[in-house]
Amino acid sequence: MTGEFVRFEHGDTTKAEGNRLNLYPSLSLPMEANYGYLTPKLGWHYTQYDLDRNPDAPQTLSKTRSLPLFSVDGGLIMEREWHWRGKPYTLTLEPRLYYLA
C-alpha cells in the first residue's frame, strides 16, 4: 500500500487550492527461478481532489478518480560461457516482457 496526502496553496487567487489524496493498494505474486521470473500484480489507483478554490470551474470543487490496474512482468535469463583469446567470458541475454492494463 502506498499513499500520499498533499495540501497545495498559492498566493495567487487565479490558481486552484486544496487537498489531494492518492492511494495505491496492490497485491503481487513474484515467482523466481534460476532461468527467469514472472510477477503478476493487481492494484487499484484512487485519487481524490477537494478544492477550496477552483477559478477554472467554480462549480467543480471535488473530483475523484478510481482506476483498477493489472500488470505482468516476466523475463528470461540466458547465459553461456565463451572463450576468446584464451580468456573465459560469460555472455548474457535477458529479454523482458512487461504488460500493463
C-alpha atoms as a PDB file:
ATOM      1  CA  MET A   1       0.000   0.000   0.000  1.00  0.00           C
ATOM      2  CA  THR A   2       1.345   3.398  -0.939  1.00  0.00           C
ATOM      3  CA  GLY A   3      -0.351   6.688  -0.341  1.00  0.00           C
ATOM      4  CA  GLU A   4       0.144  10.415  -0.314  1.00  0.00           C
ATOM      5  CA  PHE A   5      -1.738  13.403   1.047  1.00  0.00           C
ATOM      6  CA  VAL A   6      -0.874  16.858  -0.321  1.00  0.00           C
ATOM      7  CA  ARG A   7      -2.133  20.297   0.608  1.00  0.00           C
ATOM      8  CA  PHE A   8      -1.384  22.839  -2.118  1.00  0.00           C
ATOM      9  CA  GLU A   9      -1.807  26.605  -1.766  1.00  0.00           C
ATOM     10  CA  HIS A  10      -0.944  29.633  -3.883  1.00  0.00           C
ATOM     11  CA  GLY A  11      -0.807  33.303  -3.030  1.00  0.00           C
ATOM     12  CA  ASP A  12      -2.305  33.994  -6.462  1.00  0.00           C
ATOM     13  CA  THR A  13      -6.130  33.853  -6.459  1.00  0.00           C
ATOM     14  CA  THR A  14      -6.185  32.754 -10.117  1.00  0.00           C
ATOM     15  CA  LYS A  15      -4.852  29.292  -9.203  1.00  0.00           C
ATOM     16  CA  ALA A  16      -6.578  26.341  -7.570  1.00  0.00           C
ATOM     17  CA  GLU A  17      -6.030  25.496  -3.897  1.00  0.00           C
ATOM     18  CA  GLY A  18      -6.980  22.413  -1.968  1.00  0.00           C
ATOM     19  CA  ASN A  19      -6.113  18.848  -0.969  1.00  0.00           C
ATOM     20  CA  ARG A  20      -5.157  15.760  -2.956  1.00  0.00           C
ATOM     21  CA  LEU A  21      -5.231  12.177  -1.694  1.00  0.00           C
ATOM     22  CA  ASN A  22      -3.551   9.357  -3.651  1.00  0.00           C
ATOM     23  CA  LEU A  23      -3.924   5.718  -2.592  1.00  0.00           C
ATOM     24  CA  TYR A  24      -2.465   2.690  -4.362  1.00  0.00           C
ATOM     25  CA  PRO A  25      -3.087  -0.663  -2.679  1.00  0.00           C
ATOM     26  CA  SER A  26      -1.705  -3.585  -4.662  1.00  0.00           C
ATOM     27  CA  LEU A  27      -1.026  -7.297  -4.433  1.00  0.00           C
ATOM     28  CA  SER A  28       1.701  -9.130  -6.332  1.00  0.00           C
ATOM     29  CA  LEU A  29       2.981 -12.695  -6.527  1.00  0.00           C
ATOM     30  CA  PRO A  30       6.678 -12.792  -7.503  1.00  0.00           C
ATOM     31  CA  MET A  31       7.815 -16.162  -8.877  1.00  0.00           C
ATOM     32  CA  GLU A  32      11.526 -16.651  -9.494  1.00  0.00           C
ATOM     33  CA  ALA A  33      13.711 -19.446 -10.847  1.00  0.00           C
ATOM     34  CA  ASN A  34      17.354 -19.618 -11.914  1.00  0.00           C
ATOM     35  CA  TYR A  35      16.287 -19.178 -15.569  1.00  0.00           C
ATOM     36  CA  GLY A  36      13.800 -16.283 -15.156  1.00  0.00           C
ATOM     37  CA  TYR A  37      10.959 -14.652 -13.282  1.00  0.00           C
ATOM     38  CA  LEU A  38       7.252 -13.850 -13.558  1.00  0.00           C
ATOM     39  CA  THR A  39       5.399 -11.302 -11.408  1.00  0.00           C
ATOM     40  CA  PRO A  40       1.660 -10.743 -11.815  1.00  0.00           C
ATOM     41  CA  LYS A  41       0.308  -7.689  -9.959  1.00  0.00           C
ATOM     42  CA  LEU A  42      -3.195  -6.391  -9.270  1.00  0.00           C
ATOM     43  CA  GLY A  43      -3.799  -2.900  -7.880  1.00  0.00           C
ATOM     44  CA  TRP A  44      -6.231  -0.043  -7.547  1.00  0.00           C
ATOM     45  CA  HIS A  45      -5.259   3.604  -8.074  1.00  0.00           C
ATOM     46  CA  TYR A  46      -7.522   6.098  -6.299  1.00  0.00           C
ATOM     47  CA  THR A  47      -7.182   9.904  -6.369  1.00  0.00           C
ATOM     48  CA  GLN A  48      -9.417  12.470  -4.693  1.00  0.00           C
ATOM     49  CA  TYR A  49      -9.246  16.259  -5.016  1.00  0.00           C
ATOM     50  CA  ASP A  50     -11.054  18.580  -2.577  1.00  0.00           C
ATOM     51  CA  LEU A  51     -10.544  22.145  -3.744  1.00  0.00           C
ATOM     52  CA  ASP A  52     -11.141  25.264  -1.686  1.00  0.00           C
ATOM     53  CA  ARG A  53     -10.851  27.419  -4.805  1.00  0.00           C
ATOM     54  CA  ASN A  54     -11.026  26.468  -8.485  1.00  0.00           C
ATOM     55  CA  PRO A  55     -11.006  29.556 -10.757  1.00  0.00           C
ATOM     56  CA  ASP A  56     -11.245  27.418 -13.930  1.00  0.00           C
ATOM     57  CA  ALA A  57     -14.544  25.784 -12.914  1.00  0.00           C
ATOM     58  CA  PRO A  58     -16.050  27.344  -9.755  1.00  0.00           C
ATOM     59  CA  GLN A  59     -18.879  24.795  -9.618  1.00  0.00           C
ATOM     60  CA  THR A  60     -16.424  21.835  -9.534  1.00  0.00           C
ATOM     61  CA  LEU A  61     -14.679  21.721  -6.159  1.00  0.00           C
ATOM     62  CA  SER A  62     -14.352  17.955  -5.684  1.00  0.00           C
ATOM     63  CA  LYS A  63     -13.181  15.240  -8.091  1.00  0.00           C
ATOM     64  CA  THR A  64     -12.306  11.574  -7.694  1.00  0.00           C
ATOM     65  CA  ARG A  65     -10.647   9.037  -9.967  1.00  0.00           C
ATOM     66  CA  SER A  66     -10.632   5.290  -9.477  1.00  0.00           C
ATOM     67  CA  LEU A  67      -8.670   3.007 -11.773  1.00  0.00           C
ATOM     68  CA  PRO A  68      -8.015  -0.740 -11.464  1.00  0.00           C
ATOM     69  CA  LEU A  69      -4.592  -1.850 -12.733  1.00  0.00           C
ATOM     70  CA  PHE A  70      -3.218  -5.226 -13.775  1.00  0.00           C
ATOM     71  CA  SER A  71       0.355  -5.941 -14.826  1.00  0.00           C
ATOM     72  CA  VAL A  72       2.576  -8.897 -15.639  1.00  0.00           C
ATOM     73  CA  ASP A  73       6.356  -8.587 -15.604  1.00  0.00           C
ATOM     74  CA  GLY A  74       8.378 -11.520 -16.888  1.00  0.00           C
ATOM     75  CA  GLY A  75      11.856 -12.228 -18.108  1.00  0.00           C
ATOM     76  CA  LEU A  76      14.335 -14.934 -19.012  1.00  0.00           C
ATOM     77  CA  ILE A  77      17.990 -15.153 -18.039  1.00  0.00           C
ATOM     78  CA  MET A  78      20.101 -16.930 -20.645  1.00  0.00           C
ATOM     79  CA  GLU A  79      23.838 -17.299 -20.081  1.00  0.00           C
ATOM     80  CA  ARG A  80      26.607 -19.238 -21.729  1.00  0.00           C
ATOM     81  CA  GLU A  81      30.335 -19.469 -21.310  1.00  0.00           C
ATOM     82  CA  TRP A  82      32.508 -18.206 -24.157  1.00  0.00           C
ATOM     83  CA  HIS A  83      36.274 -18.236 -24.588  1.00  0.00           C
ATOM     84  CA  TRP A  84      38.097 -15.647 -26.649  1.00  0.00           C
ATOM     85  CA  ARG A  85      41.855 -15.478 -26.940  1.00  0.00           C
ATOM     86  CA  GLY A  86      42.182 -17.902 -24.075  1.00  0.00           C
ATOM     87  CA  LYS A  87      40.097 -15.861 -21.623  1.00  0.00           C
ATOM     88  CA  PRO A  88      36.708 -17.035 -20.298  1.00  0.00           C
ATOM     89  CA  TYR A  89      33.686 -14.743 -20.656  1.00  0.00           C
ATOM     90  CA  THR A  90      30.018 -15.084 -19.791  1.00  0.00           C
ATOM     91  CA  LEU A  91      27.564 -13.985 -22.476  1.00  0.00           C
ATOM     92  CA  THR A  92      24.191 -12.956 -21.086  1.00  0.00           C
ATOM     93  CA  LEU A  93      20.886 -12.279 -22.820  1.00  0.00           C
ATOM     94  CA  GLU A  94      17.951 -11.144 -20.657  1.00  0.00           C
ATOM     95  CA  PRO A  95      14.780 -10.462 -22.658  1.00  0.00           C
ATOM     96  CA  ARG A  96      11.934  -8.917 -20.663  1.00  0.00           C
ATOM     97  CA  LEU A  97       8.207  -8.506 -21.245  1.00  0.00           C
ATOM     98  CA  TYR A  98       6.056  -6.041 -19.274  1.00  0.00           C
ATOM     99  CA  TYR A  99       2.304  -5.726 -19.811  1.00  0.00           C
ATOM    100  CA  LEU A 100       0.102  -3.133 -18.115  1.00  0.00           C
ATOM    101  CA  ALA A 101      -3.668  -2.844 -18.442  1.00  0.00           C
END
